[in-house]
Every structure is written in C-alpha cells, then in structure tokens.
Protein backbone atom coordinates (compact mmCIF):
# COMPACT_ATOMS: atom_id res chain seq x y z
CA UNK A 1 56.66 74.84 -149.98
CA UNK A 2 53.11 76.25 -149.85
CA UNK A 3 52.35 73.99 -146.90
CA UNK A 4 55.44 75.22 -145.05
CA UNK A 5 54.52 78.84 -145.72
CA UNK A 6 50.94 78.19 -144.48
CA UNK A 7 52.27 76.54 -141.30
CA UNK A 8 54.55 79.49 -140.54
CA UNK A 9 51.77 82.03 -141.15
CA UNK A 10 49.34 79.99 -139.03
CA UNK A 11 51.80 79.77 -136.11
CA UNK A 12 52.44 83.48 -136.27
CA UNK A 13 48.77 84.40 -136.55
CA UNK A 14 47.20 82.01 -134.03
CA UNK A 15 49.14 83.24 -130.97
CA UNK A 16 48.24 86.84 -131.84
CA UNK A 17 44.56 85.96 -132.04
CA UNK A 18 44.81 84.08 -128.77
CA UNK A 19 46.52 86.98 -126.99
CA UNK A 20 43.95 89.46 -128.37
CA UNK A 21 41.21 87.32 -126.82
CA UNK A 22 42.96 87.26 -123.45
CA UNK A 23 43.62 91.01 -123.48
CA UNK A 24 40.13 92.01 -124.60
CA UNK A 25 37.71 91.65 -121.70
CA UNK A 26 34.79 92.34 -123.99
CA UNK A 27 35.44 89.11 -125.89
CA UNK A 28 35.57 87.21 -122.60
CA UNK A 29 32.33 88.88 -121.45
CA UNK A 30 30.37 88.13 -124.63
CA UNK A 31 28.36 85.43 -122.81
CA UNK A 32 26.53 88.11 -120.80
CA UNK A 33 24.92 89.62 -123.91
CA UNK A 34 21.40 88.16 -123.98
CA UNK A 35 17.94 88.52 -122.47
CA UNK A 36 17.72 86.86 -119.04
CA UNK A 37 14.88 86.14 -116.60
CA UNK A 38 14.84 85.05 -112.95
CA UNK A 39 11.62 83.86 -111.31
CA UNK A 40 11.67 83.93 -107.52
CA UNK A 41 8.34 83.56 -105.79
CA UNK A 42 6.15 86.55 -106.68
CA UNK A 43 9.07 88.43 -108.27
CA UNK A 44 10.18 88.13 -111.87
CA UNK A 45 13.45 89.92 -112.61
CA UNK A 46 14.62 90.60 -116.13
CA UNK A 47 18.15 91.54 -117.08
CA UNK A 48 19.04 92.40 -120.67
CA UNK A 49 22.51 93.03 -122.07
CA UNK A 50 23.64 94.05 -125.56
CA UNK A 51 27.12 94.73 -126.89
CA UNK A 52 26.93 98.38 -127.92
CA UNK A 53 30.47 98.72 -129.25
CA UNK A 54 34.01 97.48 -128.87
CA UNK A 55 34.25 98.82 -125.31
CA UNK A 56 30.65 98.90 -124.06
CA UNK A 57 27.88 96.55 -122.99
CA UNK A 58 24.56 98.30 -122.27
CA UNK A 59 22.06 96.72 -119.92
CA UNK A 60 18.90 97.12 -117.96
CA UNK A 61 17.33 95.25 -115.10
CA UNK A 62 13.83 95.42 -113.75
CA UNK A 63 11.69 93.44 -111.33
CA UNK A 64 7.95 92.86 -111.72
CA UNK A 65 5.61 91.79 -108.91
CA UNK A 66 1.87 91.34 -109.43
CA UNK A 67 2.08 93.14 -112.77
CA UNK A 68 3.82 96.22 -111.32
CA UNK A 69 7.43 97.17 -111.95
CA UNK A 70 8.91 97.51 -108.45
CA UNK A 71 12.59 98.04 -109.31
CA UNK A 72 14.55 99.31 -112.31
CA UNK A 73 18.17 100.08 -113.06
CA UNK A 74 20.21 101.06 -116.08
CA UNK A 75 23.50 99.21 -116.42
CA UNK A 76 26.69 99.34 -118.44
CA UNK A 77 30.01 97.60 -118.55
CA UNK A 78 32.62 99.76 -120.20
CA UNK A 79 36.34 100.11 -120.66
CA UNK A 80 37.68 103.38 -119.33
CA UNK A 81 41.41 103.74 -119.85
CA UNK A 82 43.05 100.48 -118.84
CA UNK A 83 40.20 99.42 -116.54
CA UNK A 84 36.72 97.97 -116.98
CA UNK A 85 33.79 99.17 -114.89
CA UNK A 86 30.26 97.97 -114.22
CA UNK A 87 28.05 101.03 -113.63
CA UNK A 88 24.51 101.03 -112.27
CA UNK A 89 22.05 103.91 -112.32
CA UNK A 90 19.42 103.25 -109.66
CA UNK A 91 16.69 105.63 -108.55
CA UNK A 92 17.62 105.54 -104.84
CA UNK A 93 21.28 106.50 -105.47
CA UNK A 94 22.16 110.17 -106.06
CA UNK A 95 24.21 109.26 -109.13
CA UNK A 96 25.75 106.37 -111.04
CA UNK A 97 27.69 103.83 -108.98
CA UNK A 98 30.68 102.13 -110.59
CA UNK A 99 32.37 98.86 -109.69
CA UNK A 100 35.83 97.96 -111.02
CA UNK A 101 36.43 94.61 -112.72
CA UNK A 102 38.77 92.69 -110.39
CA UNK A 103 38.44 89.13 -111.73
CA UNK A 104 37.66 87.76 -115.17
CA UNK A 105 37.82 84.37 -116.81
CA UNK A 106 35.92 82.68 -119.62
CA UNK A 107 32.65 82.41 -117.65
CA UNK A 108 32.96 84.63 -114.59
CA UNK A 109 33.32 88.35 -113.90
CA UNK A 110 33.68 90.02 -110.50
CA UNK A 111 33.31 93.77 -109.92
CA UNK A 112 34.06 95.62 -106.67
CA UNK A 113 33.54 99.03 -105.11
CA UNK A 114 34.64 98.90 -101.45
CA UNK A 115 33.42 102.49 -100.88
CA UNK A 116 29.77 101.72 -101.75
CA UNK A 117 27.38 100.70 -98.97
CA UNK A 118 25.49 97.78 -100.52
CA UNK A 119 26.41 96.02 -102.60
CA UNK A 120 30.14 96.44 -102.84
CA UNK A 121 30.79 93.27 -104.83
CA UNK A 122 28.91 91.99 -107.89
CA UNK A 123 29.59 88.60 -109.46
CA UNK A 124 28.28 87.21 -112.73
CA UNK A 125 28.93 83.63 -113.74
CA UNK A 126 27.69 81.65 -116.71
CA UNK A 127 26.87 78.11 -115.61
CA UNK A 128 26.30 75.19 -117.97
CA UNK A 129 26.07 77.69 -120.83
CA UNK A 130 22.43 78.30 -119.90
CA UNK A 131 22.22 79.85 -116.43
CA UNK A 132 23.47 83.33 -115.56
CA UNK A 133 24.25 83.34 -111.85
CA UNK A 134 24.43 86.82 -110.32
CA UNK A 135 25.33 87.65 -106.74
CA UNK A 136 25.40 91.05 -105.08
CA UNK A 137 27.01 91.20 -101.67
CA UNK A 138 28.34 93.47 -98.96
CA UNK A 139 27.40 94.83 -95.55
CA UNK A 140 23.73 95.58 -94.88
CA UNK A 141 22.40 98.50 -92.81
CA UNK A 142 23.18 96.57 -89.60
CA UNK A 143 26.81 96.10 -90.76
CA UNK A 144 26.19 92.37 -91.26
CA UNK A 145 27.34 90.37 -94.27
CA UNK A 146 24.48 90.06 -96.74
CA UNK A 147 24.02 88.67 -100.23
CA UNK A 148 21.30 88.36 -102.84
CA UNK A 149 21.54 85.67 -105.50
CA UNK A 150 19.82 85.47 -108.86
CA UNK A 151 19.61 82.45 -111.16
CA UNK A 152 18.69 83.73 -114.61
CA UNK A 153 17.78 81.66 -117.65
CA UNK A 154 17.69 82.89 -121.21
CA UNK A 155 14.40 84.39 -122.42
CA UNK A 156 13.22 82.37 -125.43
C-alpha cells in the first residue's frame, strides 16, 4: 500500500516539476551563469553572468586589448510581465537597449529588437557544455547583413 501511495504521489509531483521547468525560462537559462572568456587575436573579451534572483540574471562584458579596456557594457536578462528581455547598457547608446526573448530551449536563447540599428538579434548557445557561442547580427551602417561571433570558454 505504501508503494502504491508513493507511486501516485510521484506521478502527480513529477509532471508538475517538469512543467515548472518548461515554464520558467530562468531555469532553462541557468547555463549562462558563469565567467566566460573569448580570445580573438589581440582582443580578450570577458562576459560574466550571475543569477541575481528568480527573475533576473545580471551580467557584464568587457574587451581588453594591449592591457586597455576598449569596450564595456552592463547586461541583464529579466522577466517583465509575461516576457523576458535581454538589456544592454552601452556607452555609445543614449539609454538601455532591450531585446525580447523569441526562442528558448535547453541550450539556446535568441533575443530580438527589430527597431535597433545593430545588432537587432542576439543569440547565445551552450555547446558541448563548455563553449558559450554568442552571435550578434543585423544590418550595418551600409545596410548590409553583418554578424560578430564569439566563442567563450569558462574562466577557471
């Protein structure tokens, strides 16, 4: 009888846990929370993410060249209402720029803002559980398709 009761409780509980995972983008995005580094020629770009609450990841990115920091941005991924947004604060923009989450699975997240000049699409993908692939894309100043790719590894 105890075994039957356990089986019933397990069947009732497990689907709820599974559906909570699917409905909570922050559980699906947990792979982004780490310290990442991308070395590309003379540039070394760091991107750091921490889970700051149930509905917020806080991040920062900066690029170093020849010992000087040549680019910085403050980042966050947060749930606002029923939607999730990636927001970047970059010195050359007059204010924060937000991108709406449009695709999410267990190892990939895609954010879009068709109104922004460049980029208007940002993709993050965890590859082989050790590489964070990031791609920013959109139209450049000449109205041509352009993209920048980053292959980050964990900082150890």
